[in-house]
Protein backbone atom coordinates (compact mmCIF):
# COMPACT_ATOMS: atom_id res chain seq x y z
CA MET A 1 111.17 118.11 98.06
CA SER A 2 108.72 116.81 100.65
CA ASP A 3 110.19 115.47 103.89
CA LYS A 4 107.61 112.73 103.55
CA GLN A 5 108.25 111.72 99.98
CA ILE A 6 107.26 108.27 98.77
CA ASP A 7 110.12 105.76 99.00
CA LEU A 8 108.23 102.55 98.13
CA ALA A 9 105.59 101.77 95.50
CA VAL A 10 103.67 98.52 96.01
CA LEU A 11 102.06 97.51 92.72
CA ASP A 12 99.55 94.77 92.02
CA MET A 13 100.17 92.57 88.98
CA ALA A 14 97.08 91.24 87.08
CA GLY A 15 94.93 94.17 86.03
CA THR A 16 97.40 96.78 87.27
CA THR A 17 100.78 96.12 85.66
CA VAL A 18 99.80 93.01 83.67
CA GLU A 19 96.87 92.70 81.25
CA ASP A 20 94.20 90.38 82.65
CA ASP A 21 92.03 89.83 79.53
CA GLY A 22 89.50 87.91 81.60
CA LEU A 23 91.97 85.16 82.51
CA VAL A 24 90.97 85.10 86.18
CA ILE A 25 87.30 84.50 85.38
CA ARG A 26 88.16 81.89 82.74
CA ALA A 27 90.38 80.05 85.23
CA PHE A 28 87.66 80.30 87.87
CA GLU A 29 85.10 78.71 85.55
CA GLN A 30 87.34 75.68 85.10
CA ALA A 31 88.03 75.48 88.83
CA ALA A 32 84.35 75.78 89.70
CA THR A 33 83.53 72.87 87.42
CA VAL A 34 86.26 70.74 89.01
CA ALA A 35 84.86 71.63 92.45
CA GLY A 36 81.43 70.43 91.43
CA ILE A 37 79.59 73.74 91.18
CA PRO A 38 76.81 73.32 88.59
CA LEU A 39 77.59 74.82 85.19
CA GLU A 40 74.49 76.98 85.28
CA GLY A 41 72.11 78.32 87.89
CA PRO A 42 72.13 80.50 91.00
CA GLU A 43 74.99 78.68 92.74
CA ARG A 44 77.34 79.23 89.81
CA GLU A 45 76.21 82.83 89.35
CA ALA A 46 76.68 83.62 93.04
CA ALA A 47 80.14 82.06 93.05
CA ARG A 48 81.16 83.98 89.93
CA GLN A 49 79.94 87.26 91.42
CA TYR A 50 81.85 86.58 94.63
CA VAL A 51 85.03 86.06 92.63
CA ILE A 52 84.47 89.40 90.86
CA ASP A 53 83.71 91.22 94.12
CA THR A 54 86.79 89.81 95.86
CA MET A 55 89.15 90.13 92.91
CA GLY A 56 92.70 90.57 94.14
CA GLN A 57 92.33 88.44 97.24
CA SER A 58 94.21 85.20 97.83
CA LYS A 59 92.47 82.61 95.69
CA ILE A 60 92.51 79.84 98.29
CA THR A 61 90.73 82.19 100.70
CA VAL A 62 88.12 82.94 98.05
CA PHE A 63 87.47 79.27 97.37
CA ARG A 64 87.18 78.53 101.09
CA ALA A 65 84.48 81.18 101.35
CA ILE A 66 82.60 79.91 98.30
CA LEU A 67 82.77 76.19 99.04
CA GLY A 68 82.90 76.03 102.83
CA ASP A 69 84.94 72.86 102.66
CA GLU A 70 88.72 72.73 102.91
CA GLU A 71 89.22 69.69 100.68
CA ARG A 72 87.06 71.10 97.88
CA ALA A 73 88.67 74.54 98.29
CA GLN A 74 92.15 73.06 97.89
CA GLN A 75 90.99 71.06 94.87
CA ALA A 76 89.48 74.16 93.29
CA ASN A 77 92.55 76.25 94.02
CA ILE A 78 94.85 73.73 92.35
CA ALA A 79 92.56 73.65 89.33
CA PHE A 80 92.48 77.45 89.22
CA GLU A 81 96.26 77.81 89.41
CA THR A 82 96.73 75.14 86.74
CA ALA A 83 94.24 76.77 84.39
CA TYR A 84 95.63 80.26 84.92
CA SER A 85 99.18 79.05 84.32
CA GLU A 86 98.10 77.40 81.07
CA PHE A 87 96.43 80.61 79.92
CA ALA A 88 99.51 82.60 80.93
CA ASP A 89 101.77 80.23 79.00
CA ALA A 90 99.72 81.04 75.90
CA GLY A 91 100.81 84.64 76.25
CA VAL A 92 100.56 87.48 78.75
CA THR A 93 101.33 91.12 78.10
CA PRO A 94 102.11 94.07 80.34
CA ILE A 95 99.78 97.02 80.73
CA PRO A 96 101.04 99.58 78.18
CA GLY A 97 103.78 101.66 79.79
CA ALA A 98 104.05 99.47 82.90
CA ALA A 99 107.69 98.45 82.45
CA GLU A 100 108.68 102.03 81.67
CA ALA A 101 106.78 103.31 84.72
CA ILE A 102 108.50 100.82 87.02
CA SER A 103 111.91 101.70 85.58
CA ALA A 104 111.23 105.42 86.02
CA LEU A 105 110.25 104.96 89.66
CA ARG A 106 113.36 102.95 90.44
CA ALA A 107 115.60 105.40 88.57
CA ALA A 108 114.21 108.15 90.82
CA GLY A 109 115.11 106.18 93.94
CA ILE A 110 111.64 104.77 94.66
CA LYS A 111 111.74 101.06 95.41
CA VAL A 112 109.12 98.87 93.75
CA ALA A 113 107.42 95.72 95.03
CA LEU A 114 105.10 93.64 92.84
CA THR A 115 102.34 91.77 94.68
CA THR A 116 99.68 89.25 93.72
CA GLY A 117 96.77 87.21 95.01
CA PHE A 118 98.09 84.18 93.13
CA SER A 119 100.40 81.50 94.49
CA ARG A 120 104.15 81.99 94.41
CA GLY A 121 104.43 79.46 91.59
CA THR A 122 101.90 81.27 89.40
CA GLN A 123 103.49 84.62 90.12
CA ASP A 124 106.88 83.24 89.08
CA LYS A 125 105.38 81.92 85.83
CA LEU A 126 103.97 85.37 85.09
CA LEU A 127 107.31 87.02 85.81
CA ASN A 128 109.11 84.52 83.61
CA ALA A 129 106.62 84.93 80.76
CA LEU A 130 107.02 88.70 80.88
CA GLY A 131 110.79 88.65 81.31
CA TRP A 132 110.28 90.59 84.54
CA ASN A 133 112.42 88.58 86.96
CA ASP A 134 114.63 91.60 87.67
CA ILE A 135 112.19 94.43 86.99
CA ALA A 136 111.31 95.12 90.65
CA ASP A 137 113.15 95.32 93.96
CA LEU A 138 110.85 92.67 95.44
CA THR A 139 108.01 90.34 94.43
CA LEU A 140 105.54 88.96 96.96
CA ALA A 141 102.74 86.39 96.99
CA PRO A 142 100.44 85.89 100.01
CA SER A 143 102.49 82.91 101.18
CA ASP A 144 105.56 85.15 101.43
CA ALA A 145 103.86 87.54 103.84
CA GLY A 146 101.39 85.56 105.93
CA ARG A 147 98.02 86.69 104.59
CA GLY A 148 96.90 88.06 101.25
CA ARG A 149 94.62 90.99 100.55
CA PRO A 150 92.64 92.68 102.07
CA TYR A 151 95.06 92.30 104.97
CA PRO A 152 98.10 94.63 105.16
CA ASP A 153 100.69 91.85 105.34
CA MET A 154 102.20 92.10 101.84
CA VAL A 155 102.56 95.89 102.00
CA LEU A 156 104.13 95.76 105.47
CA THR A 157 106.40 92.86 104.46
CA ALA A 158 107.63 94.93 101.51
CA LEU A 159 108.29 97.88 103.83
CA LEU A 160 110.30 95.74 106.24
CA ARG A 161 112.29 93.83 103.63
CA LEU A 162 113.18 96.95 101.67
CA GLY A 163 114.10 99.02 104.72
CA ILE A 164 111.50 101.77 104.38
CA ASP A 165 111.36 104.07 107.41
CA ALA A 166 107.60 104.64 107.77
CA VAL A 167 104.23 103.65 106.34
CA ASP A 168 103.57 107.22 105.18
CA ARG A 169 106.42 106.79 102.73
CA VAL A 170 104.54 103.98 100.95
CA ALA A 171 102.20 104.23 97.95
CA VAL A 172 99.97 101.37 96.82
CA LEU A 173 98.37 100.86 93.40
CA GLY A 174 95.80 98.27 92.40
CA ASP A 175 92.74 97.70 90.25
CA THR A 176 90.44 96.24 92.93
CA THR A 177 88.74 97.26 96.15
CA SER A 178 90.85 94.59 97.88
CA ASP A 179 94.00 96.46 96.82
CA ILE A 180 92.56 99.65 98.31
CA ALA A 181 91.67 97.89 101.56
CA THR A 182 95.19 96.50 101.82
CA GLY A 183 96.83 99.88 101.36
CA LEU A 184 94.54 101.57 103.86
CA ALA A 185 95.04 98.82 106.44
CA ALA A 186 98.81 99.22 106.07
CA GLY A 187 98.61 102.98 106.67
CA SER A 188 100.03 103.91 103.27
CA ARG A 189 99.86 107.63 102.47
CA ILE A 190 98.84 107.10 98.85
CA VAL A 191 96.39 104.29 98.07
CA ALA A 192 95.47 104.59 94.42
CA GLY A 193 93.14 102.71 92.14
CA THR A 194 93.80 102.16 88.46
CA LEU A 195 91.14 101.82 85.78
CA THR A 196 92.89 99.07 83.79
CA GLY A 197 91.41 96.13 85.68
CA ALA A 198 88.49 94.64 87.54
CA HIS A 199 86.78 97.50 89.37
CA ASP A 200 85.57 100.91 88.18
CA GLU A 201 86.17 104.40 89.55
CA GLU A 202 83.01 104.44 91.65
CA GLN A 203 83.93 101.16 93.34
CA LEU A 204 87.53 102.23 93.94
CA ARG A 205 86.54 105.59 95.43
CA ALA A 206 83.85 103.99 97.59
CA ALA A 207 86.55 101.66 98.95
CA GLY A 208 88.55 104.71 100.05
CA ALA A 209 91.09 105.26 97.28
CA THR A 210 93.07 108.47 97.78
CA HIS A 211 93.55 108.74 94.01
CA VAL A 212 92.15 107.06 90.90
CA VAL A 213 94.38 107.07 87.81
CA PRO A 214 93.92 105.84 84.25
CA SER A 215 96.92 103.51 84.50
CA VAL A 216 100.22 102.78 86.20
CA THR A 217 101.83 105.40 83.96
CA GLU A 218 99.90 108.24 85.61
CA PHE A 219 100.55 106.70 89.02
CA ALA A 220 104.28 106.89 88.40
CA GLN A 221 103.92 110.48 87.25
CA LEU A 222 102.08 111.28 90.49
CA LEU A 223 104.92 109.91 92.61
CA LEU A 224 107.66 111.45 90.50
CA ALA A 225 106.00 114.88 90.70
CA GLU A 226 106.54 114.81 94.49
CA ARG A 227 110.28 114.61 93.87
CA ALA A 228 110.42 117.39 91.31
């Protein structure tokens, strides 16, 4: 057994442990319309691409960058959260094997935190819809930690709240370059990308991922192998 084994796994939700099915982009399209971005043309295309590139980041931060106006950003964010919640109410599903992977990690003594770029309210709706209210040791939204991705706040908040001794005992998994940036900024020893979400292997490796795995199942196997 390594004297620096992983004691905490910080897992993203949409695209990593929860199927996205394009819901983020669909919700963005509604929010962009509410915010007054033309339905077609370069402004809409640029905004859509920015959302894709910054997938995983706090949505209010994304809308501030796109719109450059706090009132419009808040309006767009409310519209986004409302639309996403409506889509989630229609049915969300976990990534195949996600619940089993989380259970296996916790059974082995590895604590699990679920993080998101959504608001606390939207995260709670997702957890309720999935029946996941007790699946993890901790759930965090950006508002619970200070700043969202790509900052290290959520990872470090999880470490502090769950009593982990050092950052090199933390592993992070996400489907976006923002998840990778967060894990690296926090000093996590394992910062892995998964291929079940927004960004591909080339993007994840270019962002600095220490590992790229097909899904959360293989990520759990990676951590459990350290304890074998």
